Amino acid sequence: DGYLKMRKLATKVDRKLNLIEYFVHIEDVRRARPEWKARV
């Protein structure tokens, strides 16, 4: 549910704290591969 259950109780805070975190870590996995393409 996220730290302090923010996913249920504070969705705007969840978005603010985690959007870049999630996006960057997705690309950390994808772009470590030899042939990657940027997501749309």
Full PDB file with SEQRES, HELIX, SHEET, SSBOND, CRYST1, ORIGX, SCALE, CONECT and MASTER records, all heavy atoms in Angstrom:
SEQRES   1 A   40  ASP GLY TYR LEU LYS MET ARG LYS LEU ALA THR LYS VAL          
SEQRES   2 A   40  ASP ARG LYS LEU ASN LEU ILE GLU TYR PHE VAL HIS ILE          
SEQRES   3 A   40  GLU ASP VAL ARG ARG ALA ARG PRO GLU TRP LYS ALA ARG          
SEQRES   4 A   40  VAL                                                          
HELIX    1 AA1 TYR A    3  LYS A    5  5                                   3    
HELIX    2 AA2 MET A    6  LEU A    9  1                                   4    
HELIX    3 AA3 THR A   11  ARG A   30  1                                  20    
CRYST1    1.000    1.000    1.000  90.00  90.00  90.00 P 1           1          
ORIGX1      1.000000  0.000000  0.000000        0.00000                         
ORIGX2      0.000000  1.000000  0.000000        0.00000                         
ORIGX3      0.000000  0.000000  1.000000        0.00000                         
SCALE1      1.000000  0.000000  0.000000        0.00000                         
SCALE2      0.000000  1.000000  0.000000        0.00000                         
SCALE3      0.000000  0.000000  1.000000        0.00000                         
ATOM      1  N   ASP A   1       0.817  -1.218   0.000  1.00  0.00           N  
ATOM      2  CA  ASP A   1       0.000   0.000   0.000  1.00  0.00           C  
ATOM      3  C   ASP A   1       0.848   1.264   0.000  1.00  0.00           C  
ATOM      4  O   ASP A   1       0.314   2.371   0.032  1.00  0.00           O  
ATOM      5  CB  ASP A   1      -0.915   0.020   1.241  1.00  0.00           C  
ATOM      6  CG  ASP A   1      -2.032  -1.007   1.145  1.00  0.00           C  
ATOM      7  OD1 ASP A   1      -2.431  -1.343   0.012  1.00  0.00           O  
ATOM      8  OD2 ASP A   1      -2.498  -1.478   2.195  1.00  0.00           O  
ATOM      9  N   GLY A   2       2.171   1.095   0.003  1.00  0.00           N  
ATOM     10  CA  GLY A   2       3.042   2.257   0.059  1.00  0.00           C  
ATOM     11  C   GLY A   2       3.350   2.648   1.496  1.00  0.00           C  
ATOM     12  O   GLY A   2       2.688   2.214   2.446  1.00  0.00           O  
ATOM     13  N   TYR A   3       4.400   3.469   1.634  1.00  0.00           N  
ATOM     14  CA  TYR A   3       4.789   3.917   2.980  1.00  0.00           C  
ATOM     15  C   TYR A   3       3.637   4.664   3.630  1.00  0.00           C  
ATOM     16  O   TYR A   3       3.031   5.553   3.028  1.00  0.00           O  
ATOM     17  CB  TYR A   3       6.023   4.816   2.874  1.00  0.00           C  
ATOM     18  CG  TYR A   3       6.609   5.197   4.215  1.00  0.00           C  
ATOM     19  CD1 TYR A   3       7.163   4.237   5.046  1.00  0.00           C  
ATOM     20  CD2 TYR A   3       6.603   6.522   4.646  1.00  0.00           C  
ATOM     21  CE1 TYR A   3       7.702   4.573   6.275  1.00  0.00           C  
ATOM     22  CE2 TYR A   3       7.136   6.879   5.871  1.00  0.00           C  
ATOM     23  CZ  TYR A   3       7.689   5.904   6.678  1.00  0.00           C  
ATOM     24  OH  TYR A   3       8.217   6.258   7.901  1.00  0.00           O  
ATOM     25  N   LEU A   4       3.298   4.291   4.852  1.00  0.00           N  
ATOM     26  CA  LEU A   4       2.160   4.856   5.593  1.00  0.00           C  
ATOM     27  C   LEU A   4       0.842   4.735   4.819  1.00  0.00           C  
ATOM     28  O   LEU A   4      -0.048   5.565   4.940  1.00  0.00           O  
ATOM     29  CB  LEU A   4       2.429   6.325   5.942  1.00  0.00           C  
ATOM     30  CG  LEU A   4       3.627   6.574   6.861  1.00  0.00           C  
ATOM     31  CD1 LEU A   4       3.820   8.074   7.091  1.00  0.00           C  
ATOM     32  CD2 LEU A   4       3.460   5.843   8.189  1.00  0.00           C  
ATOM     33  N   LYS A   5       0.744   3.688   3.995  1.00  0.00           N  
ATOM     34  CA  LYS A   5      -0.462   3.399   3.217  1.00  0.00           C  
ATOM     35  C   LYS A   5      -0.872   4.566   2.313  1.00  0.00           C  
ATOM     36  O   LYS A   5      -2.051   4.790   2.050  1.00  0.00           O  
ATOM     37  CB  LYS A   5      -1.625   3.021   4.149  1.00  0.00           C  
ATOM     38  CG  LYS A   5      -1.371   1.740   4.930  1.00  0.00           C  
ATOM     39  CD  LYS A   5      -2.588   1.301   5.711  1.00  0.00           C  
ATOM     40  CE  LYS A   5      -2.329  -0.025   6.418  1.00  0.00           C  
ATOM     41  NZ  LYS A   5      -3.510  -0.499   7.192  1.00  0.00           N  
ATOM     42  N   MET A   6       0.136   5.294   1.802  1.00  0.00           N  
ATOM     43  CA  MET A   6      -0.176   6.479   1.002  1.00  0.00           C  
ATOM     44  C   MET A   6      -0.913   6.141  -0.290  1.00  0.00           C  
ATOM     45  O   MET A   6      -1.625   6.971  -0.839  1.00  0.00           O  
ATOM     46  CB  MET A   6       1.091   7.261   0.693  1.00  0.00           C  
ATOM     47  CG  MET A   6       2.064   6.578  -0.243  1.00  0.00           C  
ATOM     48  SD  MET A   6       3.431   7.681  -0.722  1.00  0.00           S  
ATOM     49  CE  MET A   6       4.200   8.024   0.848  1.00  0.00           C  
ATOM     50  N   ARG A   7      -0.746   4.900  -0.776  1.00  0.00           N  
ATOM     51  CA  ARG A   7      -1.416   4.548  -2.025  1.00  0.00           C  
ATOM     52  C   ARG A   7      -2.928   4.601  -1.876  1.00  0.00           C  
ATOM     53  O   ARG A   7      -3.642   4.871  -2.844  1.00  0.00           O  
ATOM     54  CB  ARG A   7      -0.952   3.164  -2.460  1.00  0.00           C  
ATOM     55  CG  ARG A   7      -1.257   2.804  -3.899  1.00  0.00           C  
ATOM     56  CD  ARG A   7      -0.187   1.909  -4.487  1.00  0.00           C  
ATOM     57  NE  ARG A   7       1.080   2.620  -4.499  1.00  0.00           N  
ATOM     58  CZ  ARG A   7       2.156   2.223  -3.813  1.00  0.00           C  
ATOM     59  NH1 ARG A   7       2.101   1.133  -3.069  1.00  0.00           N  
ATOM     60  NH2 ARG A   7       3.265   2.919  -3.863  1.00  0.00           N  
ATOM     61  N   LYS A   8      -3.412   4.364  -0.677  1.00  0.00           N  
ATOM     62  CA  LYS A   8      -4.845   4.415  -0.425  1.00  0.00           C  
ATOM     63  C   LYS A   8      -5.278   5.738   0.195  1.00  0.00           C  
ATOM     64  O   LYS A   8      -6.370   6.239  -0.090  1.00  0.00           O  
ATOM     65  CB  LYS A   8      -5.252   3.267   0.513  1.00  0.00           C  
ATOM     66  CG  LYS A   8      -5.159   1.882  -0.113  1.00  0.00           C  
ATOM     67  CD  LYS A   8      -5.643   0.823   0.865  1.00  0.00           C  
ATOM     68  CE  LYS A   8      -5.639  -0.552   0.222  1.00  0.00           C  
ATOM     69  NZ  LYS A   8      -6.107  -1.614   1.151  1.00  0.00           N  
ATOM     70  N   LEU A   9      -4.403   6.312   1.029  1.00  0.00           N  
ATOM     71  CA  LEU A   9      -4.822   7.461   1.829  1.00  0.00           C  
ATOM     72  C   LEU A   9      -4.369   8.807   1.275  1.00  0.00           C  
ATOM     73  O   LEU A   9      -4.936   9.840   1.640  1.00  0.00           O  
ATOM     74  CB  LEU A   9      -4.291   7.302   3.265  1.00  0.00           C  
ATOM     75  CG  LEU A   9      -4.710   6.025   3.993  1.00  0.00           C  
ATOM     76  CD1 LEU A   9      -4.079   5.971   5.378  1.00  0.00           C  
ATOM     77  CD2 LEU A   9      -6.234   5.949   4.106  1.00  0.00           C  
ATOM     78  N   ALA A  10      -3.360   8.802   0.422  1.00  0.00           N  
ATOM     79  CA  ALA A  10      -2.826  10.074  -0.062  1.00  0.00           C  
ATOM     80  C   ALA A  10      -2.283   9.892  -1.477  1.00  0.00           C  
ATOM     81  O   ALA A  10      -1.074   9.886  -1.707  1.00  0.00           O  
ATOM     82  CB  ALA A  10      -1.739  10.588   0.868  1.00  0.00           C  
ATOM     83  N   THR A  11      -3.173   9.763  -2.450  1.00  0.00           N  
ATOM     84  CA  THR A  11      -2.751   9.427  -3.805  1.00  0.00           C  
ATOM     85  C   THR A  11      -1.918  10.541  -4.450  1.00  0.00           C  
ATOM     86  O   THR A  11      -1.016  10.266  -5.249  1.00  0.00           O  
ATOM     87  CB  THR A  11      -3.966   9.127  -4.689  1.00  0.00           C  
ATOM     88  OG1 THR A  11      -4.875  10.237  -4.658  1.00  0.00           O  
ATOM     89  CG2 THR A  11      -4.677   7.879  -4.203  1.00  0.00           C  
ATOM     90  N   LYS A  12      -2.209  11.790  -4.108  1.00  0.00           N  
ATOM     91  CA  LYS A  12      -1.424  12.888  -4.688  1.00  0.00           C  
ATOM     92  C   LYS A  12       0.009  12.858  -4.160  1.00  0.00           C  
ATOM     93  O   LYS A  12       0.969  13.111  -4.900  1.00  0.00           O  
ATOM     94  CB  LYS A  12      -2.079  14.231  -4.383  1.00  0.00           C  
ATOM     95  CG  LYS A  12      -3.384  14.465  -5.142  1.00  0.00           C  
ATOM     96  CD  LYS A  12      -3.951  15.845  -4.859  1.00  0.00           C  
ATOM     97  CE  LYS A  12      -5.233  16.073  -5.653  1.00  0.00           C  
ATOM     98  NZ  LYS A  12      -5.807  17.420  -5.394  1.00  0.00           N  
ATOM     99  N   VAL A  13       0.171  12.539  -2.887  1.00  0.00           N  
ATOM    100  CA  VAL A  13       1.505  12.414  -2.303  1.00  0.00           C  
ATOM    101  C   VAL A  13       2.223  11.220  -2.920  1.00  0.00           C  
ATOM    102  O   VAL A  13       3.420  11.291  -3.244  1.00  0.00           O  
ATOM    103  CB  VAL A  13       1.415  12.258  -0.767  1.00  0.00           C  
ATOM    104  CG1 VAL A  13       2.802  12.018  -0.172  1.00  0.00           C  
ATOM    105  CG2 VAL A  13       0.781  13.497  -0.148  1.00  0.00           C  
ATOM    106  N   ASP A  14       1.506  10.133  -3.100  1.00  0.00           N  
ATOM    107  CA  ASP A  14       2.069   8.943  -3.737  1.00  0.00           C  
ATOM    108  C   ASP A  14       2.611   9.292  -5.119  1.00  0.00           C  
ATOM    109  O   ASP A  14       3.743   8.930  -5.476  1.00  0.00           O  
ATOM    110  CB  ASP A  14       0.975   7.873  -3.838  1.00  0.00           C  
ATOM    111  CG  ASP A  14       1.473   6.556  -4.413  1.00  0.00           C  
ATOM    112  OD1 ASP A  14       2.669   6.247  -4.260  1.00  0.00           O  
ATOM    113  OD2 ASP A  14       0.647   5.831  -5.003  1.00  0.00           O  
ATOM    114  N   ARG A  15       1.826  10.014  -5.890  1.00  0.00           N  
ATOM    115  CA  ARG A  15       2.254  10.415  -7.233  1.00  0.00           C  
ATOM    116  C   ARG A  15       3.489  11.306  -7.173  1.00  0.00           C  
ATOM    117  O   ARG A  15       4.454  11.125  -7.915  1.00  0.00           O  
ATOM    118  CB  ARG A  15       1.107  11.152  -7.928  1.00  0.00           C  
ATOM    119  CG  ARG A  15       1.102  11.083  -9.434  1.00  0.00           C  
ATOM    120  CD  ARG A  15       2.118  11.982 -10.095  1.00  0.00           C  
ATOM    121  NE  ARG A  15       1.900  13.385  -9.873  1.00  0.00           N  
ATOM    122  CZ  ARG A  15       2.842  14.309  -9.952  1.00  0.00           C  
ATOM    123  NH1 ARG A  15       4.088  13.970 -10.200  1.00  0.00           N  
ATOM    124  NH2 ARG A  15       2.584  15.569  -9.743  1.00  0.00           N  
ATOM    125  N   LYS A  16       3.473  12.243  -6.238  1.00  0.00           N  
ATOM    126  CA  LYS A  16       4.573  13.203  -6.143  1.00  0.00           C  
ATOM    127  C   LYS A  16       5.878  12.526  -5.716  1.00  0.00           C  
ATOM    128  O   LYS A  16       6.949  12.848  -6.220  1.00  0.00           O  
ATOM    129  CB  LYS A  16       4.202  14.294  -5.137  1.00  0.00           C  
ATOM    130  CG  LYS A  16       5.043  15.553  -5.238  1.00  0.00           C  
ATOM    131  CD  LYS A  16       4.705  16.335  -6.480  1.00  0.00           C  
ATOM    132  CE  LYS A  16       5.444  17.656  -6.539  1.00  0.00           C  
ATOM    133  NZ  LYS A  16       5.203  18.367  -7.812  1.00  0.00           N  
ATOM    134  N   LEU A  17       5.801  11.596  -4.798  1.00  0.00           N  
ATOM    135  CA  LEU A  17       7.003  10.952  -4.269  1.00  0.00           C  
ATOM    136  C   LEU A  17       7.539   9.840  -5.172  1.00  0.00           C  
ATOM    137  O   LEU A  17       8.744   9.581  -5.189  1.00  0.00           O  
ATOM    138  CB  LEU A  17       6.727  10.369  -2.879  1.00  0.00           C  
ATOM    139  CG  LEU A  17       6.588  11.361  -1.729  1.00  0.00           C  
ATOM    140  CD1 LEU A  17       6.325  10.603  -0.432  1.00  0.00           C  
ATOM    141  CD2 LEU A  17       7.834  12.225  -1.585  1.00  0.00           C  
ATOM    142  N   ASN A  18       6.649   9.199  -5.918  1.00  0.00           N  
ATOM    143  CA  ASN A  18       7.048   7.950  -6.550  1.00  0.00           C  
ATOM    144  C   ASN A  18       7.086   7.942  -8.073  1.00  0.00           C  
ATOM    145  O   ASN A  18       7.664   7.027  -8.656  1.00  0.00           O  
ATOM    146  CB  ASN A  18       6.117   6.822  -6.089  1.00  0.00           C  
ATOM    147  CG  ASN A  18       6.341   6.458  -4.633  1.00  0.00           C  
ATOM    148  OD1 ASN A  18       7.468   6.371  -4.180  1.00  0.00           O  
ATOM    149  ND2 ASN A  18       5.258   6.266  -3.897  1.00  0.00           N  
ATOM    150  N   LEU A  19       6.502   8.928  -8.731  1.00  0.00           N  
ATOM    151  CA  LEU A  19       6.424   8.852 -10.187  1.00  0.00           C  
ATOM    152  C   LEU A  19       7.805   8.814 -10.831  1.00  0.00           C  
ATOM    153  O   LEU A  19       8.106   7.922 -11.641  1.00  0.00           O  
ATOM    154  CB  LEU A  19       5.620  10.031 -10.751  1.00  0.00           C  
ATOM    155  CG  LEU A  19       5.495  10.045 -12.281  1.00  0.00           C  
ATOM    156  CD1 LEU A  19       4.838   8.771 -12.790  1.00  0.00           C  
ATOM    157  CD2 LEU A  19       4.700  11.282 -12.736  1.00  0.00           C  
ATOM    158  N   ILE A  20       8.672   9.760 -10.505  1.00  0.00           N  
ATOM    159  CA  ILE A  20      10.011   9.759 -11.086  1.00  0.00           C  
ATOM    160  C   ILE A  20      10.790   8.529 -10.632  1.00  0.00           C  
ATOM    161  O   ILE A  20      11.527   7.910 -11.408  1.00  0.00           O  
ATOM    162  CB  ILE A  20      10.769  11.059 -10.745  1.00  0.00           C  
ATOM    163  CG1 ILE A  20      10.236  12.210 -11.612  1.00  0.00           C  
ATOM    164  CG2 ILE A  20      12.261  10.899 -10.957  1.00  0.00           C  
ATOM    165  CD1 ILE A  20      10.999  13.508 -11.458  1.00  0.00           C  
ATOM    166  N   GLU A  21      10.621   8.140  -9.373  1.00  0.00           N  
ATOM    167  CA  GLU A  21      11.304   6.944  -8.860  1.00  0.00           C  
ATOM    168  C   GLU A  21      10.967   5.730  -9.711  1.00  0.00           C  
ATOM    169  O   GLU A  21      11.854   4.994 -10.157  1.00  0.00           O  
ATOM    170  CB  GLU A  21      10.863   6.693  -7.413  1.00  0.00           C  
ATOM    171  CG  GLU A  21      11.356   5.402  -6.797  1.00  0.00           C  
ATOM    172  CD  GLU A  21      12.756   5.502  -6.200  1.00  0.00           C  
ATOM    173  OE1 GLU A  21      13.294   6.618  -6.142  1.00  0.00           O  
ATOM    174  OE2 GLU A  21      13.290   4.459  -5.795  1.00  0.00           O  
ATOM    175  N   TYR A  22       9.690   5.518  -9.958  1.00  0.00           N  
ATOM    176  CA  TYR A  22       9.278   4.353 -10.741  1.00  0.00           C  
ATOM    177  C   TYR A  22       9.754   4.468 -12.183  1.00  0.00           C  
ATOM    178  O   TYR A  22      10.259   3.499 -12.767  1.00  0.00           O  
ATOM    179  CB  TYR A  22       7.757   4.197 -10.704  1.00  0.00           C  
ATOM    180  CG  TYR A  22       7.181   3.855  -9.362  1.00  0.00           C  
ATOM    181  CD1 TYR A  22       5.816   3.982  -9.116  1.00  0.00           C  
ATOM    182  CD2 TYR A  22       7.981   3.402  -8.309  1.00  0.00           C  
ATOM    183  CE1 TYR A  22       5.271   3.665  -7.886  1.00  0.00           C  
ATOM    184  CE2 TYR A  22       7.445   3.084  -7.079  1.00  0.00           C  
ATOM    185  CZ  TYR A  22       6.078   3.225  -6.866  1.00  0.00           C  
ATOM    186  OH  TYR A  22       5.531   2.923  -5.648  1.00  0.00           O  
ATOM    187  N   PHE A  23       9.568   5.646 -12.773  1.00  0.00           N  
ATOM    188  CA  PHE A  23       9.970   5.831 -14.166  1.00  0.00           C  
ATOM    189  C   PHE A  23      11.464   5.559 -14.346  1.00  0.00           C  
ATOM    190  O   PHE A  23      11.872   4.820 -15.251  1.00  0.00           O  
ATOM    191  CB  PHE A  23       9.639   7.255 -14.634  1.00  0.00           C  
ATOM    192  CG  PHE A  23      10.246   7.579 -15.969  1.00  0.00           C  
ATOM    193  CD1 PHE A  23       9.664   7.117 -17.134  1.00  0.00           C  
ATOM    194  CD2 PHE A  23      11.420   8.314 -16.059  1.00  0.00           C  
ATOM    195  CE1 PHE A  23      10.243   7.390 -18.377  1.00  0.00           C  
ATOM    196  CE2 PHE A  23      12.004   8.588 -17.293  1.00  0.00           C  
ATOM    197  CZ  PHE A  23      11.407   8.122 -18.450  1.00  0.00           C  
ATOM    198  N   VAL A  24      12.279   6.151 -13.506  1.00  0.00           N  
ATOM    199  CA  VAL A  24      13.732   5.990 -13.635  1.00  0.00           C  
ATOM    200  C   VAL A  24      14.136   4.528 -13.461  1.00  0.00           C  
ATOM    201  O   VAL A  24      14.963   3.997 -14.218  1.00  0.00           O  
ATOM    202  CB  VAL A  24      14.478   6.890 -12.633  1.00  0.00           C  
ATOM    203  CG1 VAL A  24      15.961   6.524 -12.557  1.00  0.00           C  
ATOM    204  CG2 VAL A  24      14.330   8.361 -13.026  1.00  0.00           C  
ATOM    205  N   HIS A  25      13.534   3.846 -12.505  1.00  0.00           N  
ATOM    206  CA  HIS A  25      13.926   2.455 -12.272  1.00  0.00           C  
ATOM    207  C   HIS A  25      13.438   1.514 -13.373  1.00  0.00           C  
ATOM    208  O   HIS A  25      14.090   0.492 -13.652  1.00  0.00           O  
ATOM    209  CB  HIS A  25      13.455   1.993 -10.902  1.00  0.00           C  
ATOM    210  CG  HIS A  25      14.269   2.555  -9.776  1.00  0.00           C  
ATOM    211  ND1 HIS A  25      15.623   2.775  -9.884  1.00  0.00           N  
ATOM    212  CD2 HIS A  25      13.923   2.947  -8.513  1.00  0.00           C  
ATOM    213  CE1 HIS A  25      16.083   3.277  -8.760  1.00  0.00           C  
ATOM    214  NE2 HIS A  25      15.081   3.389  -7.914  1.00  0.00           N  
ATOM    215  N   ILE A  26      12.309   1.831 -14.007  1.00  0.00           N  
ATOM    216  CA  ILE A  26      11.910   1.057 -15.188  1.00  0.00           C  
ATOM    217  C   ILE A  26      13.003   1.155 -16.248  1.00  0.00           C  
ATOM    218  O   ILE A  26      13.438   0.149 -16.827  1.00  0.00           O  
ATOM    219  CB  ILE A  26      10.578   1.579 -15.760  1.00  0.00           C  
ATOM    220  CG1 ILE A  26       9.405   1.252 -14.835  1.00  0.00           C  
ATOM    221  CG2 ILE A  26      10.311   0.974 -17.150  1.00  0.00           C  
ATOM    222  CD1 ILE A  26       8.121   1.967 -15.209  1.00  0.00           C  
ATOM    223  N   GLU A  27      13.446   2.380 -16.466  1.00  0.00           N  
ATOM    224  CA  GLU A  27      14.462   2.591 -17.498  1.00  0.00           C  
ATOM    225  C   GLU A  27      15.828   2.053 -17.069  1.00  0.00           C  
ATOM    226  O   GLU A  27      16.646   1.690 -17.919  1.00  0.00           O  
ATOM    227  CB  GLU A  27      14.542   4.071 -17.851  1.00  0.00           C  
ATOM    228  CG  GLU A  27      13.231   4.648 -18.391  1.00  0.00           C  
ATOM    229  CD  GLU A  27      12.653   3.849 -19.550  1.00  0.00           C  
ATOM    230  OE1 GLU A  27      13.437   3.418 -20.435  1.00  0.00           O  
ATOM    231  OE2 GLU A  27      11.424   3.627 -19.576  1.00  0.00           O  
ATOM    232  N   ASP A  28      16.088   1.988 -15.769  1.00  0.00           N  
ATOM    233  CA  ASP A  28      17.333   1.366 -15.293  1.00  0.00           C  
ATOM    234  C   ASP A  28      17.423  -0.085 -15.755  1.00  0.00           C  
ATOM    235  O   ASP A  28      18.517  -0.584 -16.058  1.00  0.00           O  
ATOM    236  CB  ASP A  28      17.399   1.402 -13.758  1.00  0.00           C  
ATOM    237  CG  ASP A  28      17.813   2.743 -13.212  1.00  0.00           C  
ATOM    238  OD1 ASP A  28      18.481   3.509 -13.939  1.00  0.00           O  
ATOM    239  OD2 ASP A  28      17.474   3.041 -12.052  1.00  0.00           O  
ATOM    240  N   VAL A  29      16.300  -0.760 -15.787  1.00  0.00           N  
ATOM    241  CA  VAL A  29      16.272  -2.148 -16.239  1.00  0.00           C  
ATOM    242  C   VAL A  29      16.283  -2.211 -17.766  1.00  0.00           C  
ATOM    243  O   VAL A  29      17.093  -2.924 -18.366  1.00  0.00           O  
ATOM    244  CB  VAL A  29      15.033  -2.883 -15.686  1.00  0.00           C  
ATOM    245  CG1 VAL A  29      14.972  -4.317 -16.222  1.00  0.00           C  
ATOM    246  CG2 VAL A  29      15.058  -2.897 -14.161  1.00  0.00           C  
ATOM    247  N   ARG A  30      15.405  -1.449 -18.395  1.00  0.00           N  
ATOM    248  CA  ARG A  30      15.251  -1.530 -19.854  1.00  0.00           C  
ATOM    249  C   ARG A  30      16.513  -1.081 -20.589  1.00  0.00           C  
ATOM    250  O   ARG A  30      16.945  -1.703 -21.556  1.00  0.00           O  
ATOM    251  CB  ARG A  30      14.064  -0.683 -20.299  1.00  0.00           C  
ATOM    252  CG  ARG A  30      12.705  -1.168 -19.776  1.00  0.00           C  
ATOM    253  CD  ARG A  30      11.562  -0.294 -20.287  1.00  0.00           C  
ATOM    254  NE  ARG A  30      11.375  -0.500 -21.724  1.00  0.00           N  
ATOM    255  CZ  ARG A  30      11.812   0.333 -22.655  1.00  0.00           C  
ATOM    256  NH1 ARG A  30      12.475   1.437 -22.314  1.00  0.00           N  
ATOM    257  NH2 ARG A  30      11.595   0.088 -23.940  1.00  0.00           N  
ATOM    258  N   ARG A  31      17.101   0.031 -20.135  1.00  0.00           N  
ATOM    259  CA  ARG A  31      18.208   0.625 -20.883  1.00  0.00           C  
ATOM    260  C   ARG A  31      19.564  -0.003 -20.550  1.00  0.00           C  
ATOM    261  O   ARG A  31      20.575   0.374 -21.133  1.00  0.00           O  
ATOM    262  CB  ARG A  31      18.221   2.145 -20.679  1.00  0.00           C  
ATOM    263  CG  ARG A  31      16.926   2.790 -21.149  1.00  0.00           C  
ATOM    264  CD  ARG A  31      16.965   4.305 -21.188  1.00  0.00           C  
ATOM    265  NE  ARG A  31      15.623   4.824 -21.443  1.00  0.00           N  
ATOM    266  CZ  ARG A  31      15.355   6.029 -21.953  1.00  0.00           C  
ATOM    267  NH1 ARG A  31      16.348   6.847 -22.247  1.00  0.00           N  
ATOM    268  NH2 ARG A  31      14.103   6.413 -22.145  1.00  0.00           N  
ATOM    269  N   ALA A  32      19.558  -0.946 -19.646  1.00  0.00           N  
ATOM    270  CA  ALA A  32      20.784  -1.711 -19.392  1.00  0.00           C  
ATOM    271  C   ALA A  32      20.957  -2.816 -20.425  1.00  0.00           C  
ATOM    272  O   ALA A  32      22.012  -3.449 -20.486  1.00  0.00           O  
ATOM    273  CB  ALA A  32      20.753  -2.312 -17.985  1.00  0.00           C  
ATOM    274  N   ARG A  33      19.930  -3.034 -21.244  1.00  0.00           N  
ATOM    275  CA  ARG A  33      19.998  -4.045 -22.296  1.00  0.00           C  
ATOM    276  C   ARG A  33      20.666  -3.450 -23.533  1.00  0.00           C  
ATOM    277  O   ARG A  33      20.577  -2.251 -23.781  1.00  0.00           O  
ATOM    278  CB  ARG A  33      18.584  -4.540 -22.631  1.00  0.00           C  
ATOM    279  CG  ARG A  33      17.882  -5.181 -21.442  1.00  0.00           C  
ATOM    280  CD  ARG A  33      16.394  -5.310 -21.683  1.00  0.00           C  
ATOM    281  NE  ARG A  33      15.697  -5.861 -20.517  1.00  0.00           N  
ATOM    282  CZ  ARG A  33      14.388  -5.768 -20.323  1.00  0.00           C  
ATOM    283  NH1 ARG A  33      13.630  -5.130 -21.207  1.00  0.00           N  
ATOM    284  NH2 ARG A  33      13.833  -6.300 -19.247  1.00  0.00           N  
ATOM    285  N   PRO A  34      21.330  -4.302 -24.330  1.00  0.00           N  
ATOM    286  CA  PRO A  34      22.069  -3.796 -25.487  1.00  0.00           C  
ATOM    287  C   PRO A  34      21.217  -3.005 -26.475  1.00  0.00           C  
ATOM    288  O   PRO A  34      21.633  -1.971 -26.972  1.00  0.00           O  
ATOM    289  CB  PRO A  34      22.628  -5.074 -26.128  1.00  0.00           C  
ATOM    290  CG  PRO A  34      22.665  -6.075 -25.023  1.00  0.00           C  
ATOM    291  CD  PRO A  34      21.496  -5.753 -24.148  1.00  0.00           C  
ATOM    292  N   GLU A  35      20.029  -3.493 -26.789  1.00  0.00           N  
ATOM    293  CA  GLU A  35      19.179  -2.833 -27.772  1.00  0.00           C  
ATOM    294  C   GLU A  35      17.871  -2.425 -27.104  1.00  0.00           C  
ATOM    295  O   GLU A  35      16.919  -3.190 -27.043  1.00  0.00           O  
ATOM    296  CB  GLU A  35      18.909  -3.762 -28.956  1.00  0.00           C  
ATOM    297  CG  GLU A  35      20.168  -4.128 -29.732  1.00  0.00           C  
ATOM    298  CD  GLU A  35      19.873  -5.016 -30.924  1.00  0.00           C  
ATOM    299  OE1 GLU A  35      18.688  -5.272 -31.199  1.00  0.00           O  
ATOM    300  OE2 GLU A  35      20.836  -5.458 -31.575  1.00  0.00           O  
ATOM    301  N   TRP A  36      17.844  -1.192 -26.615  1.00  0.00           N  
ATOM    302  CA  TRP A  36      16.643  -0.698 -25.957  1.00  0.00           C  
ATOM    303  C   TRP A  36      16.007   0.393 -26.806  1.00  0.00           C  
ATOM    304  O   TRP A  36      16.668   1.045 -27.606  1.00  0.00           O  
ATOM    305  CB  TRP A  36      16.955  -0.168 -24.555  1.00  0.00           C  
ATOM    306  CG  TRP A  36      17.963   0.947 -24.523  1.00  0.00           C  
ATOM    307  CD1 TRP A  36      19.312   0.833 -24.367  1.00  0.00           C  
ATOM    308  CD2 TRP A  36      17.693   2.352 -24.664  1.00  0.00           C  
ATOM    309  NE1 TRP A  36      19.905   2.067 -24.387  1.00  0.00           N  
ATOM    310  CE2 TRP A  36      18.944   3.027 -24.580  1.00  0.00           C  
ATOM    311  CE3 TRP A  36      16.540   3.108 -24.839  1.00  0.00           C  
ATOM    312  CZ2 TRP A  36      19.050   4.418 -24.665  1.00  0.00           C  
ATOM    313  CZ3 TRP A  36      16.643   4.490 -24.946  1.00  0.00           C  
ATOM    314  CH2 TRP A  36      17.893   5.127 -24.852  1.00  0.00           C  
ATOM    315  N   LYS A  37      14.715   0.558 -26.606  1.00  0.00           N  
ATOM    316  CA  LYS A  37      13.984   1.634 -27.255  1.00  0.00           C  
ATOM    317  C   LYS A  37      13.220   2.411 -26.185  1.00  0.00           C  
ATOM    318  O   LYS A  37      12.694   1.822 -25.229  1.00  0.00           O  
ATOM    319  CB  LYS A  37      13.004   1.077 -28.290  1.00  0.00           C  
ATOM    320  CG  LYS A  37      13.672   0.398 -29.469  1.00  0.00           C  
ATOM    321  CD  LYS A  37      12.632  -0.087 -30.468  1.00  0.00           C  
ATOM    322  CE  LYS A  37      13.299  -0.765 -31.662  1.00  0.00           C  
ATOM    323  NZ  LYS A  37      12.290  -1.268 -32.640  1.00  0.00           N  
ATOM    324  N   ALA A  38      13.175   3.716 -26.350  1.00  0.00           N  
ATOM    325  CA  ALA A  38      12.457   4.545 -25.385  1.00  0.00           C  
ATOM    326  C   ALA A  38      10.958   4.223 -25.419  1.00  0.00           C  
ATOM    327  O   ALA A  38      10.387   3.999 -26.488  1.00  0.00           O  
ATOM    328  CB  ALA A  38      12.688   6.024 -25.693  1.00  0.00           C  
ATOM    329  N   ARG A  39      10.356   4.165 -24.254  1.00  0.00           N  
ATOM    330  CA  ARG A  39       8.906   3.969 -24.188  1.00  0.00           C  
ATOM    331  C   ARG A  39       8.183   5.229 -24.653  1.00  0.00           C  
ATOM    332  O   ARG A  39       8.696   6.336 -24.522  1.00  0.00           O  
ATOM    333  CB  ARG A  39       8.467   3.669 -22.753  1.00  0.00           C  
ATOM    334  CG  ARG A  39       8.837   2.296 -22.254  1.00  0.00           C  
ATOM    335  CD  ARG A  39       8.230   2.059 -20.880  1.00  0.00           C  
ATOM    336  NE  ARG A  39       8.717   3.019 -19.897  1.00  0.00           N  
ATOM    337  CZ  ARG A  39       8.006   3.470 -18.859  1.00  0.00           C  
ATOM    338  NH1 ARG A  39       6.759   3.099 -18.688  1.00  0.00           N  
ATOM    339  NH2 ARG A  39       8.546   4.315 -17.998  1.00  0.00           N  
ATOM    340  N   VAL A  40       6.978   5.053 -25.140  1.00  0.00           N  
ATOM    341  CA  VAL A  40       6.123   6.190 -25.478  1.00  0.00           C  
ATOM    342  C   VAL A  40       5.146   6.385 -24.322  1.00  0.00           C  
ATOM    343  O   VAL A  40       4.266   5.559 -24.091  1.00  0.00           O  
ATOM    344  CB  VAL A  40       5.361   5.944 -26.793  1.00  0.00           C  
ATOM    345  CG1 VAL A  40       4.437   7.132 -27.085  1.00  0.00           C  
ATOM    346  CG2 VAL A  40       6.329   5.726 -27.943  1.00  0.00           C  
TER     347      VAL A  40                                                      
MASTER        0    0    0    3    0    0    0    6  346    1    0    4          
END                                                                             
